[in-house]
């Protein structure tokens, strides 16, 4: 199962990175963020997963950039209650 969840977040992330339609991005970005969150929880800072955890950091930065540059400055804020991602408008 571990291999499946590793591929799952990467597939959704790549879909978001390659999507140009804003409405599809509005659905894909939170979906990718949630998949990444679950995978990060699964890995739990494991020493053998260090490379994937580093990749996750880069992926989250890329998704944040999409939110700001293509989706009007909406940034995610992960809550501590069950890992939901709550969206809020970014203040300037």
Protein backbone atom coordinates (compact mmCIF):
# COMPACT_ATOMS: atom_id res chain seq x y z
CA UNK A 1 0.00 0.00 0.00
CA UNK A 2 2.86 2.39 0.74
CA UNK A 3 3.96 2.38 -2.89
CA UNK A 4 0.39 3.10 -4.03
CA UNK A 5 0.06 6.20 -1.83
CA UNK A 6 3.47 7.40 -3.02
CA UNK A 7 2.28 7.24 -6.62
CA UNK A 8 -1.15 8.66 -5.78
CA UNK A 9 0.04 12.06 -4.54
CA UNK A 10 2.56 12.34 -7.35
CA UNK A 11 -0.05 11.62 -10.03
CA UNK A 12 -2.47 14.23 -8.67
CA UNK A 13 0.35 16.73 -8.22
CA UNK A 14 1.48 16.26 -11.83
CA UNK A 15 -2.10 16.69 -13.06
CA UNK A 16 -2.30 20.01 -11.21
CA UNK A 17 1.07 21.16 -12.54
CA UNK A 18 0.03 20.41 -16.12
CA UNK A 19 -3.48 21.88 -15.88
CA UNK A 20 -4.17 25.29 -17.41
CA UNK A 21 -7.92 25.48 -16.81
CA UNK A 22 -8.52 27.56 -13.64
CA UNK A 23 -11.70 25.73 -12.66
CA UNK A 24 -9.99 22.36 -12.89
CA UNK A 25 -7.05 23.77 -10.92
CA UNK A 26 -9.44 24.90 -8.17
CA UNK A 27 -10.41 21.24 -7.75
CA UNK A 28 -7.00 19.65 -8.34
CA UNK A 29 -4.88 21.80 -6.03
CA UNK A 30 -6.80 20.96 -2.82
CA UNK A 31 -6.98 17.32 -3.91
CA UNK A 32 -3.19 17.23 -4.39
CA UNK A 33 -2.63 19.00 -1.07
CA UNK A 34 -4.81 16.47 0.74
CA UNK A 35 -3.01 13.51 -0.89
CA UNK A 36 0.35 15.03 0.05
CA UNK A 37 -0.81 15.63 3.61
CA UNK A 38 -1.90 12.00 3.97
CA UNK A 39 1.36 10.72 2.51
CA UNK A 40 3.42 12.97 4.79
CA UNK A 41 1.50 11.63 7.79
CA UNK A 42 2.13 8.09 6.55
CA UNK A 43 5.88 8.65 6.29
CA UNK A 44 6.21 10.20 9.78
CA UNK A 45 9.75 11.58 9.22
CA UNK A 46 11.09 8.13 8.49
CA UNK A 47 14.83 8.16 7.74
CA UNK A 48 14.42 5.97 4.65
CA UNK A 49 11.77 8.38 3.27
CA UNK A 50 13.91 11.52 3.54
CA UNK A 51 14.11 11.95 -0.24
CA UNK A 52 10.34 11.68 -0.70
CA UNK A 53 9.75 14.10 2.19
CA UNK A 54 12.08 16.60 0.51
CA UNK A 55 10.14 16.16 -2.73
CA UNK A 56 6.91 16.77 -0.83
CA UNK A 57 8.25 20.12 0.44
CA UNK A 58 9.05 21.19 -3.13
CA UNK A 59 5.63 20.00 -4.34
CA UNK A 60 3.80 21.97 -1.63
CA UNK A 61 5.77 25.10 -2.56
CA UNK A 62 4.77 24.62 -6.20
CA UNK A 63 1.09 24.19 -5.26
CA UNK A 64 1.29 27.32 -3.09
CA UNK A 65 2.70 29.20 -6.07
CA UNK A 66 -0.19 28.03 -8.26
CA UNK A 67 -2.66 29.21 -5.62
CA UNK A 68 -1.09 32.65 -5.43
CA UNK A 69 -0.26 33.25 -9.10
CA UNK A 70 -3.09 31.46 -10.91
CA UNK A 71 -5.95 31.21 -8.44
CA UNK A 72 -6.05 34.72 -7.08
CA UNK A 73 -3.96 34.49 -3.95
CA UNK A 74 -5.84 31.79 -2.07
CA UNK A 75 -3.51 29.93 0.27
CA UNK A 76 -4.17 26.72 2.23
CA UNK A 77 -4.10 26.55 5.99
CA UNK A 78 -4.00 23.00 7.34
CA UNK A 79 -5.94 22.58 10.53
CA UNK A 80 -5.04 20.14 13.25
CA UNK A 81 -8.48 18.52 13.37
CA UNK A 82 -8.26 15.52 11.11
CA UNK A 83 -5.98 17.14 8.55
CA UNK A 84 -8.65 19.12 6.73
CA UNK A 85 -7.35 21.88 4.53
CA UNK A 86 -9.12 25.18 5.11
CA UNK A 87 -8.83 27.87 2.48
CA UNK A 88 -8.51 31.53 3.32
CA UNK A 89 -7.83 34.61 1.23
CA UNK A 90 -4.22 35.74 1.49
CA UNK A 91 -3.86 39.24 2.89
CA UNK A 92 -1.56 41.72 1.19
